[in-house]
Amino acid sequence: MTKADIVNEVAKNTGVEKVIVQKTVEATMEAIKDSLSKGSNVYLRGFGSFIIKKRAKKTARNISKNTTIIIPEHNIPAFKPAKTFVNGVKVKVK
């Protein structure tokens, strides 16, 4: 599903114009990105959490040059789904 598919689905289900829904979806994504870039996590009950994970400094290899490089400590964004979200997606295997 793409962003356009989400906009179409929300517009169809709510009766709101696609232009307004698109601005709302984009504003929501911008708010999440801004919050994470400032170091704050975003918690959406029943859906999940957008969190910042810290990666430790580590040593790696550049295979093409056969050299060792140091990857510094850095932050990455991550998503942790809520239990209700996970349970709704799970498929029971017989």
C-alpha atoms as a PDB file:
ATOM      1  CA  MET A   1       0.000   0.000   0.000  1.00  0.00           C
ATOM      2  CA  THR A   2       1.369   3.401  -0.957  1.00  0.00           C
ATOM      3  CA  LYS A   3       0.710   6.844   0.486  1.00  0.00           C
ATOM      4  CA  ALA A   4      -1.713   7.489  -2.393  1.00  0.00           C
ATOM      5  CA  ASP A   5      -3.591   4.281  -1.527  1.00  0.00           C
ATOM      6  CA  ILE A   6      -3.868   5.404   2.102  1.00  0.00           C
ATOM      7  CA  VAL A   7      -5.176   8.821   1.013  1.00  0.00           C
ATOM      8  CA  ASN A   8      -7.759   7.180  -1.278  1.00  0.00           C
ATOM      9  CA  GLU A   9      -8.897   4.763   1.441  1.00  0.00           C
ATOM     10  CA  VAL A  10      -9.258   7.466   4.108  1.00  0.00           C
ATOM     11  CA  ALA A  11     -11.066   9.786   1.693  1.00  0.00           C
ATOM     12  CA  LYS A  12     -13.464   6.992   0.709  1.00  0.00           C
ATOM     13  CA  ASN A  13     -14.153   5.982   4.338  1.00  0.00           C
ATOM     14  CA  THR A  14     -14.575   9.503   5.733  1.00  0.00           C
ATOM     15  CA  GLY A  15     -16.057  11.442   2.823  1.00  0.00           C
ATOM     16  CA  VAL A  16     -13.352  14.117   3.156  1.00  0.00           C
ATOM     17  CA  GLU A  17     -11.757  15.484  -0.020  1.00  0.00           C
ATOM     18  CA  LYS A  18      -8.548  13.773  -1.157  1.00  0.00           C
ATOM     19  CA  VAL A  19      -6.585  17.043  -1.112  1.00  0.00           C
ATOM     20  CA  ILE A  20      -7.374  17.609   2.564  1.00  0.00           C
ATOM     21  CA  VAL A  21      -6.642  13.979   3.461  1.00  0.00           C
ATOM     22  CA  GLN A  22      -3.303  14.139   1.612  1.00  0.00           C
ATOM     23  CA  LYS A  23      -2.281  17.298   3.501  1.00  0.00           C
ATOM     24  CA  THR A  24      -3.293  15.637   6.772  1.00  0.00           C
ATOM     25  CA  VAL A  25      -1.323  12.441   6.045  1.00  0.00           C
ATOM     26  CA  GLU A  26       1.758  14.413   4.997  1.00  0.00           C
ATOM     27  CA  ALA A  27       1.495  16.674   8.065  1.00  0.00           C
ATOM     28  CA  THR A  28       1.246  13.597  10.302  1.00  0.00           C
ATOM     29  CA  MET A  29       4.356  12.052   8.758  1.00  0.00           C
ATOM     30  CA  GLU A  30       6.250  15.353   9.066  1.00  0.00           C
ATOM     31  CA  ALA A  31       5.264  15.645  12.746  1.00  0.00           C
ATOM     32  CA  ILE A  32       6.546  12.108  13.389  1.00  0.00           C
ATOM     33  CA  LYS A  33       9.838  12.807  11.551  1.00  0.00           C
ATOM     34  CA  ASP A  34      10.327  16.119  13.388  1.00  0.00           C
ATOM     35  CA  SER A  35       9.692  14.499  16.758  1.00  0.00           C
ATOM     36  CA  LEU A  36      12.163  11.689  16.070  1.00  0.00           C
ATOM     37  CA  SER A  37      14.815  14.085  14.766  1.00  0.00           C
ATOM     38  CA  LYS A  38      14.532  16.009  18.053  1.00  0.00           C
ATOM     39  CA  GLY A  39      15.043  12.766  19.996  1.00  0.00           C
ATOM     40  CA  SER A  40      11.441  12.300  21.149  1.00  0.00           C
ATOM     41  CA  ASN A  41       9.548   9.055  20.622  1.00  0.00           C
ATOM     42  CA  VAL A  42       5.994   8.991  19.216  1.00  0.00           C
ATOM     43  CA  TYR A  43       3.411   6.741  20.893  1.00  0.00           C
ATOM     44  CA  LEU A  44       0.125   5.911  19.118  1.00  0.00           C
ATOM     45  CA  ARG A  45      -2.113   3.760  21.346  1.00  0.00           C
ATOM     46  CA  GLY A  46      -3.455   0.681  19.643  1.00  0.00           C
ATOM     47  CA  PHE A  47      -1.098   1.161  16.686  1.00  0.00           C
ATOM     48  CA  GLY A  48       2.492   1.290  17.892  1.00  0.00           C
ATOM     49  CA  SER A  49       5.490   3.439  18.735  1.00  0.00           C
ATOM     50  CA  PHE A  50       8.012   5.206  16.555  1.00  0.00           C
ATOM     51  CA  ILE A  51      11.194   5.125  18.617  1.00  0.00           C
ATOM     52  CA  ILE A  52      14.858   6.065  18.403  1.00  0.00           C
ATOM     53  CA  LYS A  53      17.329   3.180  18.750  1.00  0.00           C
ATOM     54  CA  LYS A  54      20.982   3.823  19.529  1.00  0.00           C
ATOM     55  CA  ARG A  55      23.543   1.801  17.633  1.00  0.00           C
ATOM     56  CA  ALA A  56      26.881   1.353  19.373  1.00  0.00           C
ATOM     57  CA  LYS A  57      30.223   2.133  17.752  1.00  0.00           C
ATOM     58  CA  LYS A  58      31.555  -0.890  15.903  1.00  0.00           C
ATOM     59  CA  THR A  59      34.380  -2.078  13.687  1.00  0.00           C
ATOM     60  CA  ALA A  60      33.537  -3.195  10.157  1.00  0.00           C
ATOM     61  CA  ARG A  61      35.370  -4.203   6.987  1.00  0.00           C
ATOM     62  CA  ASN A  62      35.422  -2.537   3.603  1.00  0.00           C
ATOM     63  CA  ILE A  63      35.587  -5.672   1.477  1.00  0.00           C
ATOM     64  CA  SER A  64      36.517  -3.946  -1.783  1.00  0.00           C
ATOM     65  CA  LYS A  65      39.542  -2.164  -0.260  1.00  0.00           C
ATOM     66  CA  ASN A  66      40.255  -4.850   2.358  1.00  0.00           C
ATOM     67  CA  THR A  67      40.476  -2.255   5.138  1.00  0.00           C
ATOM     68  CA  THR A  68      38.987  -1.908   8.597  1.00  0.00           C
ATOM     69  CA  ILE A  69      36.669   1.018   9.248  1.00  0.00           C
ATOM     70  CA  ILE A  70      35.029   2.340  12.396  1.00  0.00           C
ATOM     71  CA  ILE A  71      31.298   3.001  12.273  1.00  0.00           C
ATOM     72  CA  PRO A  72      30.532   5.651  14.916  1.00  0.00           C
ATOM     73  CA  GLU A  73      27.675   5.475  17.404  1.00  0.00           C
ATOM     74  CA  HIS A  74      24.455   6.655  15.772  1.00  0.00           C
ATOM     75  CA  ASN A  75      20.680   6.723  16.139  1.00  0.00           C
ATOM     76  CA  ILE A  76      18.182   5.041  13.842  1.00  0.00           C
ATOM     77  CA  PRO A  77      14.375   5.259  13.737  1.00  0.00           C
ATOM     78  CA  ALA A  78      12.389   2.106  14.457  1.00  0.00           C
ATOM     79  CA  PHE A  79       8.748   1.070  14.731  1.00  0.00           C
ATOM     80  CA  LYS A  80       7.414  -1.188  17.462  1.00  0.00           C
ATOM     81  CA  PRO A  81       3.828  -2.328  16.836  1.00  0.00           C
ATOM     82  CA  ALA A  82       1.281  -2.488  19.651  1.00  0.00           C
ATOM     83  CA  LYS A  83       0.086  -5.909  20.850  1.00  0.00           C
ATOM     84  CA  THR A  84      -3.383  -5.333  19.392  1.00  0.00           C
ATOM     85  CA  PHE A  85      -1.756  -4.449  16.050  1.00  0.00           C
ATOM     86  CA  VAL A  86       0.350  -7.630  16.085  1.00  0.00           C
ATOM     87  CA  ASN A  87      -2.591  -9.818  17.084  1.00  0.00           C
ATOM     88  CA  GLY A  88      -4.691  -8.349  14.272  1.00  0.00           C
ATOM     89  CA  VAL A  89      -2.027  -9.178  11.688  1.00  0.00           C
ATOM     90  CA  LYS A  90      -1.151 -12.678  12.892  1.00  0.00           C
ATOM     91  CA  VAL A  91      -2.402 -15.565  10.808  1.00  0.00           C
ATOM     92  CA  LYS A  92      -3.277 -18.692  12.706  1.00  0.00           C
ATOM     93  CA  VAL A  93      -1.476 -21.698  11.319  1.00  0.00           C
ATOM     94  CA  LYS A  94      -3.304 -25.016  11.480  1.00  0.00           C
END
